N, C-alpha and C. Protein backbone atom coordinates (compact mmCIF):
# COMPACT_ATOMS: atom_id res chain seq x y z
N MET A 1 -16.37 94.45 40.25
CA MET A 1 -17.19 93.69 41.16
C MET A 1 -18.10 94.64 41.96
N GLU A 2 -17.52 95.78 42.37
CA GLU A 2 -18.32 96.76 43.11
C GLU A 2 -19.46 97.28 42.25
N LEU A 3 -19.18 97.54 40.98
CA LEU A 3 -20.21 98.03 40.07
C LEU A 3 -21.32 96.99 39.89
N LEU A 4 -20.95 95.73 39.77
CA LEU A 4 -21.94 94.66 39.65
C LEU A 4 -22.87 94.65 40.87
N LEU A 5 -22.27 94.64 42.04
CA LEU A 5 -23.08 94.59 43.27
C LEU A 5 -23.95 95.85 43.41
N GLN A 6 -23.38 96.98 43.04
CA GLN A 6 -24.15 98.23 43.10
C GLN A 6 -25.34 98.17 42.13
N SER A 7 -25.10 97.67 40.92
CA SER A 7 -26.17 97.57 39.91
C SER A 7 -27.28 96.64 40.37
N LEU A 8 -26.91 95.59 41.10
CA LEU A 8 -27.91 94.62 41.60
C LEU A 8 -28.47 95.01 42.96
N ARG A 9 -27.99 96.14 43.49
CA ARG A 9 -28.39 96.62 44.82
C ARG A 9 -28.10 95.57 45.90
N LYS A 10 -26.90 95.00 45.82
CA LYS A 10 -26.46 94.00 46.79
C LYS A 10 -25.30 94.56 47.60
N ARG A 11 -25.11 94.06 48.81
CA ARG A 11 -24.03 94.51 49.68
C ARG A 11 -23.11 93.35 50.07
N ASN A 12 -22.95 92.40 49.16
CA ASN A 12 -22.15 91.20 49.45
C ASN A 12 -20.67 91.54 49.61
N ARG A 13 -19.97 90.65 50.31
CA ARG A 13 -18.54 90.80 50.51
C ARG A 13 -17.80 90.45 49.21
N ILE A 14 -16.72 91.17 48.92
CA ILE A 14 -15.86 90.90 47.77
C ILE A 14 -14.55 90.37 48.33
N SER A 15 -14.10 89.24 47.81
CA SER A 15 -12.87 88.61 48.32
C SER A 15 -11.86 88.44 47.19
N PRO A 16 -10.58 88.71 47.47
CA PRO A 16 -9.54 88.44 46.47
C PRO A 16 -9.21 86.95 46.46
N THR A 17 -8.88 86.44 45.29
CA THR A 17 -8.46 85.05 45.16
C THR A 17 -7.37 84.97 44.10
N ARG A 18 -6.46 84.02 44.24
CA ARG A 18 -5.36 83.83 43.28
C ARG A 18 -5.85 83.06 42.05
N THR A 19 -5.37 83.49 40.88
CA THR A 19 -5.68 82.78 39.64
C THR A 19 -4.62 81.71 39.40
N ARG A 20 -4.85 80.87 38.39
CA ARG A 20 -3.87 79.83 38.05
C ARG A 20 -2.52 80.41 37.66
N THR A 21 -2.53 81.63 37.11
CA THR A 21 -1.28 82.24 36.66
C THR A 21 -0.63 83.11 37.72
N GLY A 22 -1.22 83.14 38.92
CA GLY A 22 -0.62 83.91 40.00
C GLY A 22 -1.18 85.31 40.17
N GLY A 23 -2.11 85.71 39.33
CA GLY A 23 -2.73 87.02 39.45
C GLY A 23 -3.79 87.01 40.54
N ILE A 24 -4.46 88.13 40.67
CA ILE A 24 -5.54 88.24 41.66
C ILE A 24 -6.84 88.54 40.94
N ALA A 25 -7.87 87.80 41.30
CA ALA A 25 -9.23 88.04 40.80
C ALA A 25 -10.11 88.30 42.01
N TYR A 26 -11.17 89.03 41.81
CA TYR A 26 -12.09 89.33 42.91
C TYR A 26 -13.39 88.59 42.69
N VAL A 27 -13.90 87.98 43.74
CA VAL A 27 -15.11 87.17 43.63
C VAL A 27 -16.12 87.59 44.70
N THR A 28 -17.35 87.30 44.40
CA THR A 28 -18.42 87.49 45.38
C THR A 28 -19.42 86.36 45.16
N GLN A 29 -20.23 86.10 46.12
CA GLN A 29 -21.26 85.07 45.97
C GLN A 29 -22.60 85.71 46.24
N ILE A 30 -23.49 85.57 45.26
CA ILE A 30 -24.82 86.16 45.37
C ILE A 30 -25.81 85.03 45.61
N GLY A 31 -26.42 85.01 46.76
CA GLY A 31 -27.38 83.97 47.11
C GLY A 31 -28.80 84.44 46.90
N ASP A 32 -29.22 84.51 45.65
CA ASP A 32 -30.56 85.00 45.32
C ASP A 32 -31.17 84.00 44.34
N VAL A 33 -31.97 83.08 44.85
CA VAL A 33 -32.52 82.00 44.04
C VAL A 33 -33.39 82.53 42.91
N ALA A 34 -34.21 83.53 43.18
CA ALA A 34 -35.10 84.08 42.13
C ALA A 34 -34.27 84.68 41.00
N PHE A 35 -33.21 85.40 41.33
CA PHE A 35 -32.33 86.00 40.33
C PHE A 35 -31.65 84.90 39.51
N TYR A 36 -31.16 83.87 40.18
CA TYR A 36 -30.51 82.75 39.50
C TYR A 36 -31.47 82.07 38.52
N ARG A 37 -32.69 81.82 38.96
CA ARG A 37 -33.67 81.16 38.07
C ARG A 37 -34.01 82.04 36.88
N TRP A 38 -34.07 83.36 37.09
CA TRP A 38 -34.33 84.27 35.98
C TRP A 38 -33.18 84.22 34.98
N LEU A 39 -31.93 84.21 35.46
CA LEU A 39 -30.77 84.13 34.57
C LEU A 39 -30.85 82.86 33.70
N LEU A 40 -31.28 81.76 34.27
CA LEU A 40 -31.43 80.52 33.51
C LEU A 40 -32.47 80.68 32.40
N THR A 41 -33.56 81.41 32.67
CA THR A 41 -34.62 81.55 31.66
C THR A 41 -34.18 82.37 30.46
N ILE A 42 -33.18 83.25 30.61
CA ILE A 42 -32.75 84.08 29.48
C ILE A 42 -31.54 83.50 28.76
N GLY A 43 -31.05 82.35 29.23
CA GLY A 43 -29.96 81.68 28.51
C GLY A 43 -28.63 81.63 29.22
N LEU A 44 -28.51 82.20 30.42
CA LEU A 44 -27.25 82.13 31.16
C LEU A 44 -27.27 80.87 32.01
N THR A 45 -26.27 80.05 31.81
CA THR A 45 -26.25 78.74 32.44
C THR A 45 -24.95 78.55 33.22
N PRO A 46 -24.93 77.56 34.11
CA PRO A 46 -23.66 77.22 34.75
C PRO A 46 -22.62 76.86 33.68
N ARG A 47 -21.36 77.15 33.95
CA ARG A 47 -20.27 76.94 32.98
C ARG A 47 -20.58 77.68 31.69
N LYS A 48 -21.04 78.92 31.83
CA LYS A 48 -21.54 79.69 30.69
C LYS A 48 -20.56 79.80 29.55
N SER A 49 -19.27 79.84 29.83
CA SER A 49 -18.30 79.97 28.74
C SER A 49 -18.43 78.84 27.74
N LEU A 50 -18.76 77.66 28.22
CA LEU A 50 -18.87 76.49 27.34
C LEU A 50 -20.28 76.25 26.82
N THR A 51 -21.28 76.70 27.57
CA THR A 51 -22.66 76.33 27.25
C THR A 51 -23.52 77.47 26.72
N LEU A 52 -23.04 78.68 26.80
CA LEU A 52 -23.86 79.84 26.41
C LEU A 52 -24.22 79.79 24.94
N GLY A 53 -25.45 80.07 24.65
CA GLY A 53 -25.91 80.15 23.26
C GLY A 53 -26.51 81.53 23.06
N ALA A 54 -27.71 81.56 22.51
CA ALA A 54 -28.42 82.81 22.33
C ALA A 54 -28.87 83.32 23.70
N VAL A 55 -28.86 84.64 23.85
CA VAL A 55 -29.37 85.26 25.07
C VAL A 55 -30.68 85.94 24.69
N ASP A 56 -31.72 85.64 25.41
CA ASP A 56 -33.04 86.19 25.12
C ASP A 56 -33.09 87.63 25.61
N VAL A 57 -32.61 88.54 24.76
CA VAL A 57 -32.56 89.95 25.11
C VAL A 57 -33.33 90.75 24.06
N PRO A 58 -34.21 91.64 24.50
CA PRO A 58 -34.93 92.49 23.54
C PRO A 58 -33.96 93.40 22.79
N ASP A 59 -34.33 93.79 21.59
CA ASP A 59 -33.47 94.67 20.78
C ASP A 59 -33.05 95.93 21.54
N ASP A 60 -33.95 96.49 22.34
CA ASP A 60 -33.65 97.72 23.08
C ASP A 60 -32.49 97.55 24.07
N PHE A 61 -32.20 96.32 24.47
CA PHE A 61 -31.14 96.07 25.45
C PHE A 61 -29.94 95.33 24.86
N LEU A 62 -29.97 95.07 23.55
CA LEU A 62 -28.88 94.33 22.92
C LEU A 62 -27.54 95.04 23.09
N LEU A 63 -27.50 96.33 22.88
CA LEU A 63 -26.22 97.05 22.96
C LEU A 63 -25.70 97.12 24.39
N ALA A 64 -26.58 97.22 25.36
CA ALA A 64 -26.14 97.20 26.76
C ALA A 64 -25.55 95.83 27.10
N LEU A 65 -26.21 94.77 26.65
CA LEU A 65 -25.67 93.42 26.85
C LEU A 65 -24.32 93.29 26.16
N THR A 66 -24.23 93.78 24.93
CA THR A 66 -22.98 93.69 24.17
C THR A 66 -21.86 94.43 24.87
N ARG A 67 -22.15 95.59 25.43
CA ARG A 67 -21.13 96.34 26.19
C ARG A 67 -20.65 95.51 27.38
N GLY A 68 -21.56 94.82 28.04
CA GLY A 68 -21.18 93.95 29.15
C GLY A 68 -20.34 92.77 28.68
N LEU A 69 -20.69 92.20 27.53
CA LEU A 69 -19.88 91.10 26.98
C LEU A 69 -18.48 91.58 26.62
N LEU A 70 -18.40 92.78 26.08
CA LEU A 70 -17.10 93.36 25.75
C LEU A 70 -16.28 93.58 27.01
N ASP A 71 -16.90 94.13 28.04
CA ASP A 71 -16.19 94.36 29.30
C ASP A 71 -15.73 93.05 29.92
N GLY A 72 -16.54 92.01 29.82
CA GLY A 72 -16.21 90.74 30.47
C GLY A 72 -15.23 89.88 29.68
N ASP A 73 -15.52 89.63 28.43
CA ASP A 73 -14.71 88.70 27.63
C ASP A 73 -14.38 89.29 26.26
N GLY A 74 -14.01 90.53 26.23
CA GLY A 74 -13.69 91.15 24.96
C GLY A 74 -12.52 92.10 25.09
N SER A 75 -12.20 92.73 23.96
CA SER A 75 -11.11 93.71 23.97
C SER A 75 -11.30 94.71 22.85
N ILE A 76 -10.72 95.88 23.06
CA ILE A 76 -10.62 96.90 22.03
C ILE A 76 -9.13 97.15 21.87
N MET A 77 -8.61 96.94 20.67
CA MET A 77 -7.19 97.14 20.44
C MET A 77 -6.99 98.24 19.41
N ASN A 78 -6.03 99.09 19.67
CA ASN A 78 -5.66 100.17 18.76
C ASN A 78 -4.14 100.24 18.76
N LYS A 79 -3.54 99.96 17.62
CA LYS A 79 -2.08 99.92 17.52
C LYS A 79 -1.63 100.52 16.19
N ILE A 80 -0.35 100.84 16.15
CA ILE A 80 0.30 101.26 14.92
C ILE A 80 1.14 100.08 14.46
N ALA A 81 1.00 99.72 13.19
CA ALA A 81 1.75 98.59 12.65
C ALA A 81 2.62 99.05 11.48
N ARG A 82 3.74 98.37 11.29
CA ARG A 82 4.61 98.65 10.15
C ARG A 82 4.33 97.65 9.05
N ALA A 83 4.46 98.10 7.83
CA ALA A 83 4.25 97.20 6.70
C ALA A 83 5.38 97.35 5.70
N ASP A 84 5.58 96.33 4.92
CA ASP A 84 6.53 96.39 3.82
C ASP A 84 7.88 96.93 4.28
N THR A 85 8.40 96.40 5.35
CA THR A 85 9.61 96.95 5.97
C THR A 85 10.86 96.79 5.11
N LYS A 86 10.86 95.88 4.14
CA LYS A 86 12.04 95.72 3.28
C LYS A 86 12.17 96.85 2.27
N ARG A 87 11.03 97.34 1.79
CA ARG A 87 11.07 98.41 0.79
C ARG A 87 10.93 99.80 1.38
N ARG A 88 10.06 99.92 2.39
CA ARG A 88 9.82 101.23 3.00
C ARG A 88 9.66 101.05 4.50
N ASN A 89 10.65 101.41 5.26
CA ASN A 89 10.55 101.22 6.70
C ASN A 89 9.79 102.35 7.40
N ASP A 90 9.36 103.35 6.62
CA ASP A 90 8.59 104.45 7.23
C ASP A 90 7.08 104.30 7.05
N TYR A 91 6.63 103.22 6.40
CA TYR A 91 5.20 103.05 6.17
C TYR A 91 4.55 102.38 7.38
N ARG A 92 3.56 103.06 7.93
CA ARG A 92 2.85 102.55 9.10
C ARG A 92 1.35 102.79 8.90
N TRP A 93 0.56 101.97 9.55
CA TRP A 93 -0.88 102.20 9.55
C TRP A 93 -1.43 101.91 10.93
N GLU A 94 -2.56 102.54 11.21
CA GLU A 94 -3.20 102.38 12.51
C GLU A 94 -4.39 101.45 12.36
N TYR A 95 -4.49 100.52 13.28
CA TYR A 95 -5.67 99.66 13.24
C TYR A 95 -6.43 99.75 14.55
N LEU A 96 -7.71 99.50 14.42
CA LEU A 96 -8.64 99.46 15.55
C LEU A 96 -9.41 98.16 15.39
N GLN A 97 -9.52 97.41 16.46
CA GLN A 97 -10.19 96.13 16.40
C GLN A 97 -11.00 95.92 17.68
N THR A 98 -12.22 95.44 17.51
CA THR A 98 -13.06 95.07 18.65
C THR A 98 -13.27 93.57 18.58
N LYS A 99 -13.08 92.89 19.73
CA LYS A 99 -13.13 91.43 19.72
C LYS A 99 -13.91 90.92 20.93
N PHE A 100 -14.74 89.90 20.69
CA PHE A 100 -15.49 89.19 21.72
C PHE A 100 -15.02 87.74 21.71
N VAL A 101 -14.78 87.17 22.88
CA VAL A 101 -14.23 85.82 22.97
C VAL A 101 -15.15 84.93 23.80
N SER A 102 -15.30 83.67 23.37
CA SER A 102 -16.09 82.69 24.11
C SER A 102 -15.65 81.29 23.72
N ALA A 103 -15.85 80.34 24.62
CA ALA A 103 -15.61 78.94 24.30
C ALA A 103 -16.84 78.33 23.63
N SER A 104 -17.90 79.12 23.46
CA SER A 104 -19.12 78.64 22.82
C SER A 104 -19.27 79.25 21.43
N ARG A 105 -19.08 78.43 20.41
CA ARG A 105 -19.25 78.92 19.03
C ARG A 105 -20.70 79.36 18.80
N THR A 106 -21.64 78.64 19.40
CA THR A 106 -23.05 78.98 19.25
C THR A 106 -23.30 80.41 19.71
N HIS A 107 -22.72 80.79 20.84
CA HIS A 107 -22.89 82.15 21.36
C HIS A 107 -22.25 83.17 20.42
N ILE A 108 -21.05 82.88 19.96
CA ILE A 108 -20.35 83.82 19.07
C ILE A 108 -21.13 84.00 17.77
N GLU A 109 -21.67 82.94 17.21
CA GLU A 109 -22.47 83.05 15.98
C GLU A 109 -23.76 83.82 16.23
N TRP A 110 -24.39 83.62 17.39
CA TRP A 110 -25.59 84.38 17.75
C TRP A 110 -25.26 85.86 17.84
N LEU A 111 -24.17 86.19 18.53
CA LEU A 111 -23.76 87.59 18.69
C LEU A 111 -23.44 88.21 17.33
N ARG A 112 -22.77 87.47 16.48
CA ARG A 112 -22.43 87.96 15.14
C ARG A 112 -23.70 88.33 14.37
N ALA A 113 -24.68 87.43 14.39
CA ALA A 113 -25.93 87.68 13.65
C ALA A 113 -26.68 88.87 14.23
N ARG A 114 -26.78 88.97 15.55
CA ARG A 114 -27.51 90.08 16.17
C ARG A 114 -26.82 91.41 15.89
N LEU A 115 -25.50 91.44 15.97
CA LEU A 115 -24.79 92.70 15.72
C LEU A 115 -24.80 93.07 14.24
N ARG A 116 -24.79 92.08 13.36
CA ARG A 116 -24.89 92.36 11.93
C ARG A 116 -26.17 93.13 11.66
N GLY A 117 -27.26 92.69 12.30
CA GLY A 117 -28.53 93.39 12.13
C GLY A 117 -28.53 94.77 12.75
N ALA A 118 -27.81 94.94 13.86
CA ALA A 118 -27.82 96.22 14.58
C ALA A 118 -26.91 97.27 13.95
N ILE A 119 -25.77 96.86 13.37
CA ILE A 119 -24.83 97.85 12.86
C ILE A 119 -24.62 97.79 11.35
N GLY A 120 -25.20 96.76 10.72
CA GLY A 120 -25.06 96.65 9.27
C GLY A 120 -23.67 96.25 8.83
N ARG A 121 -22.87 95.71 9.70
CA ARG A 121 -21.51 95.24 9.38
C ARG A 121 -21.36 93.84 9.93
N ASP A 122 -20.53 93.07 9.27
CA ASP A 122 -20.32 91.70 9.70
C ASP A 122 -18.97 91.57 10.40
N GLY A 123 -18.94 90.72 11.40
CA GLY A 123 -17.69 90.39 12.06
C GLY A 123 -17.14 89.10 11.51
N TYR A 124 -15.89 88.82 11.85
CA TYR A 124 -15.20 87.63 11.39
C TYR A 124 -15.00 86.70 12.58
N VAL A 125 -15.34 85.42 12.42
CA VAL A 125 -15.19 84.46 13.51
C VAL A 125 -13.88 83.71 13.33
N MET A 126 -13.06 83.75 14.36
CA MET A 126 -11.79 83.03 14.37
C MET A 126 -11.90 81.87 15.36
N THR A 127 -11.18 80.78 15.09
CA THR A 127 -11.19 79.61 15.96
C THR A 127 -9.77 79.29 16.42
N ARG A 128 -9.62 79.10 17.72
CA ARG A 128 -8.35 78.59 18.26
C ARG A 128 -8.62 77.14 18.66
N LYS A 129 -7.87 76.25 18.08
CA LYS A 129 -8.07 74.81 18.34
C LYS A 129 -7.74 74.49 19.79
N PRO A 130 -8.39 73.45 20.32
CA PRO A 130 -8.11 73.06 21.71
C PRO A 130 -6.67 72.54 21.86
N GLU A 131 -6.06 72.84 22.99
CA GLU A 131 -4.72 72.36 23.30
C GLU A 131 -4.73 71.78 24.71
N GLY A 132 -4.21 70.58 24.85
CA GLY A 132 -4.15 69.96 26.17
C GLY A 132 -5.52 69.88 26.81
N ARG A 133 -5.64 70.47 27.99
CA ARG A 133 -6.92 70.47 28.71
C ARG A 133 -7.82 71.63 28.33
N ARG A 134 -7.34 72.52 27.50
CA ARG A 134 -8.14 73.68 27.11
C ARG A 134 -9.14 73.32 26.03
N HIS A 135 -10.27 74.02 26.06
CA HIS A 135 -11.31 73.84 25.05
C HIS A 135 -11.00 74.74 23.86
N ALA A 136 -11.67 74.49 22.76
CA ALA A 136 -11.57 75.40 21.62
C ALA A 136 -12.07 76.77 22.07
N CYS A 137 -11.59 77.79 21.42
CA CYS A 137 -11.98 79.16 21.76
C CYS A 137 -12.34 79.88 20.47
N TYR A 138 -13.37 80.71 20.54
CA TYR A 138 -13.85 81.42 19.36
C TYR A 138 -13.83 82.91 19.63
N ALA A 139 -13.47 83.65 18.60
CA ALA A 139 -13.43 85.11 18.73
C ALA A 139 -14.22 85.73 17.58
N LEU A 140 -15.06 86.67 17.91
CA LEU A 140 -15.78 87.47 16.92
C LEU A 140 -15.03 88.79 16.83
N ARG A 141 -14.44 89.05 15.68
CA ARG A 141 -13.57 90.21 15.52
C ARG A 141 -14.18 91.20 14.52
N PHE A 142 -14.17 92.47 14.91
CA PHE A 142 -14.66 93.54 14.04
C PHE A 142 -13.49 94.42 13.63
N SER A 143 -13.43 94.72 12.34
CA SER A 143 -12.38 95.56 11.78
C SER A 143 -12.56 97.02 12.20
N LYS A 144 -11.67 97.87 11.71
CA LYS A 144 -11.73 99.29 12.05
C LYS A 144 -13.07 99.91 11.66
N ARG A 145 -13.49 99.71 10.41
CA ARG A 145 -14.77 100.32 9.97
C ARG A 145 -15.95 99.85 10.80
N ALA A 146 -16.01 98.56 11.04
CA ALA A 146 -17.11 98.01 11.84
C ALA A 146 -17.02 98.51 13.28
N SER A 147 -15.81 98.59 13.82
CA SER A 147 -15.63 99.09 15.19
C SER A 147 -16.06 100.54 15.32
N VAL A 148 -15.77 101.34 14.30
CA VAL A 148 -16.16 102.75 14.33
C VAL A 148 -17.68 102.90 14.28
N ARG A 149 -18.38 101.91 13.77
CA ARG A 149 -19.85 101.92 13.82
C ARG A 149 -20.37 101.36 15.13
N LEU A 150 -19.73 100.30 15.63
CA LEU A 150 -20.20 99.60 16.82
C LEU A 150 -19.93 100.36 18.11
N LEU A 151 -18.72 100.83 18.31
CA LEU A 151 -18.34 101.38 19.61
C LEU A 151 -19.13 102.63 20.02
N PRO A 152 -19.44 103.58 19.12
CA PRO A 152 -20.28 104.69 19.56
C PRO A 152 -21.66 104.24 20.02
N LEU A 153 -22.18 103.16 19.44
CA LEU A 153 -23.47 102.63 19.87
C LEU A 153 -23.36 102.01 21.26
N LEU A 154 -22.27 101.30 21.51
CA LEU A 154 -22.09 100.68 22.82
C LEU A 154 -21.91 101.71 23.92
N TYR A 155 -21.28 102.83 23.57
CA TYR A 155 -20.97 103.86 24.58
C TYR A 155 -21.80 105.12 24.43
N GLU A 156 -22.95 105.01 23.75
CA GLU A 156 -23.82 106.16 23.51
C GLU A 156 -24.25 106.84 24.81
N ASP A 157 -24.58 106.05 25.81
CA ASP A 157 -24.98 106.57 27.11
C ASP A 157 -23.72 106.71 27.97
N ALA A 158 -23.25 107.92 28.11
CA ALA A 158 -22.00 108.17 28.84
C ALA A 158 -22.11 107.83 30.32
N THR A 159 -23.33 107.66 30.84
CA THR A 159 -23.51 107.36 32.26
C THR A 159 -23.66 105.86 32.53
N ALA A 160 -23.75 105.06 31.47
CA ALA A 160 -23.93 103.61 31.64
C ALA A 160 -22.65 102.97 32.18
N PRO A 161 -22.78 101.90 32.94
CA PRO A 161 -21.59 101.21 33.46
C PRO A 161 -20.69 100.74 32.31
N ARG A 162 -19.39 100.86 32.51
CA ARG A 162 -18.42 100.42 31.51
C ARG A 162 -17.07 100.23 32.17
N LEU A 163 -16.26 99.38 31.59
CA LEU A 163 -14.91 99.16 32.07
C LEU A 163 -14.03 100.27 31.51
N THR A 164 -13.51 101.11 32.37
CA THR A 164 -12.80 102.33 31.95
C THR A 164 -11.61 102.05 31.05
N ARG A 165 -10.82 101.04 31.35
CA ARG A 165 -9.61 100.81 30.55
C ARG A 165 -9.95 100.44 29.10
N LYS A 166 -11.06 99.76 28.88
CA LYS A 166 -11.46 99.44 27.51
C LYS A 166 -12.07 100.67 26.83
N TRP A 167 -12.90 101.38 27.55
CA TRP A 167 -13.49 102.61 27.04
C TRP A 167 -12.40 103.60 26.63
N ARG A 168 -11.34 103.71 27.42
CA ARG A 168 -10.27 104.67 27.18
C ARG A 168 -9.59 104.43 25.82
N VAL A 169 -9.41 103.15 25.44
CA VAL A 169 -8.81 102.83 24.13
C VAL A 169 -9.66 103.45 23.02
N TRP A 170 -10.97 103.26 23.10
CA TRP A 170 -11.88 103.82 22.10
C TRP A 170 -11.89 105.35 22.16
N ALA A 171 -11.99 105.92 23.35
CA ALA A 171 -12.07 107.37 23.49
C ALA A 171 -10.81 108.04 22.94
N ASP A 172 -9.64 107.47 23.19
CA ASP A 172 -8.39 108.03 22.67
C ASP A 172 -8.34 107.97 21.15
N TYR A 173 -8.76 106.84 20.59
CA TYR A 173 -8.81 106.70 19.13
C TYR A 173 -9.78 107.74 18.55
N ALA A 174 -10.97 107.82 19.12
CA ALA A 174 -11.98 108.75 18.62
C ALA A 174 -11.48 110.19 18.67
N ALA A 175 -10.83 110.57 19.75
CA ALA A 175 -10.31 111.94 19.89
C ALA A 175 -9.27 112.25 18.81
N ARG A 176 -8.37 111.31 18.53
CA ARG A 176 -7.34 111.53 17.50
C ARG A 176 -7.93 111.64 16.10
N HIS A 177 -9.12 111.06 15.89
CA HIS A 177 -9.71 111.04 14.55
C HIS A 177 -10.95 111.92 14.42
N GLY A 178 -11.19 112.77 15.42
CA GLY A 178 -12.31 113.71 15.35
C GLY A 178 -13.67 113.06 15.38
N ILE A 179 -13.79 111.96 16.11
CA ILE A 179 -15.06 111.22 16.22
C ILE A 179 -15.62 111.46 17.62
N ASP A 180 -16.92 111.72 17.70
CA ASP A 180 -17.57 111.80 19.00
C ASP A 180 -17.73 110.37 19.52
N PRO A 181 -17.08 110.01 20.64
CA PRO A 181 -17.13 108.63 21.09
C PRO A 181 -18.50 108.16 21.58
N HIS A 182 -19.44 109.10 21.72
CA HIS A 182 -20.78 108.74 22.20
C HIS A 182 -21.84 108.88 21.10
N SER A 183 -21.45 109.30 19.92
CA SER A 183 -22.44 109.58 18.89
C SER A 183 -22.33 108.58 17.75
N SER A 184 -23.43 107.91 17.51
CA SER A 184 -23.49 106.90 16.47
C SER A 184 -23.30 107.52 15.10
N LEU A 185 -22.55 106.81 14.26
CA LEU A 185 -22.31 107.28 12.88
C LEU A 185 -23.26 106.64 11.89
N LEU A 186 -24.28 105.95 12.36
CA LEU A 186 -25.20 105.25 11.46
C LEU A 186 -26.05 106.21 10.67
């Protein structure tokens, strides 16, 4: 929240609030009508999780937007998994996955198409069916190979704002595999 306000050159108050699950989230209110109207013109709407579609972003800023989407509603996972445990309990493999989540399939499909053009790799769209009062949820998932192409592009500028805990997953993976986490492999 502090980084957001700093980036917008705002000095608004940040307040803690309880989530439905008992956690704490931090909120701020930005009262800037011109900024709000501009956000509407580029595709950001109220209830954005449900209504977001394409975002009118120039190619030069697509990766910065994507990094923000990853920080907000995405994840980078890196784990060791076991396979074929009945025949060989010592066989393990490492996976790396980058995922973007939204309740708007239109937005996920737009992001998939834009990133396909930017990195030359395709992501896989997964659907979680609605349950109870929850809406359907869509995830754009990139495999290890696609993630190794995408993440250096997202983090190419080491000084750009980023969520450290997500960046750290990528940086640790890159270090173990001799990859420069800021240098594109394209």
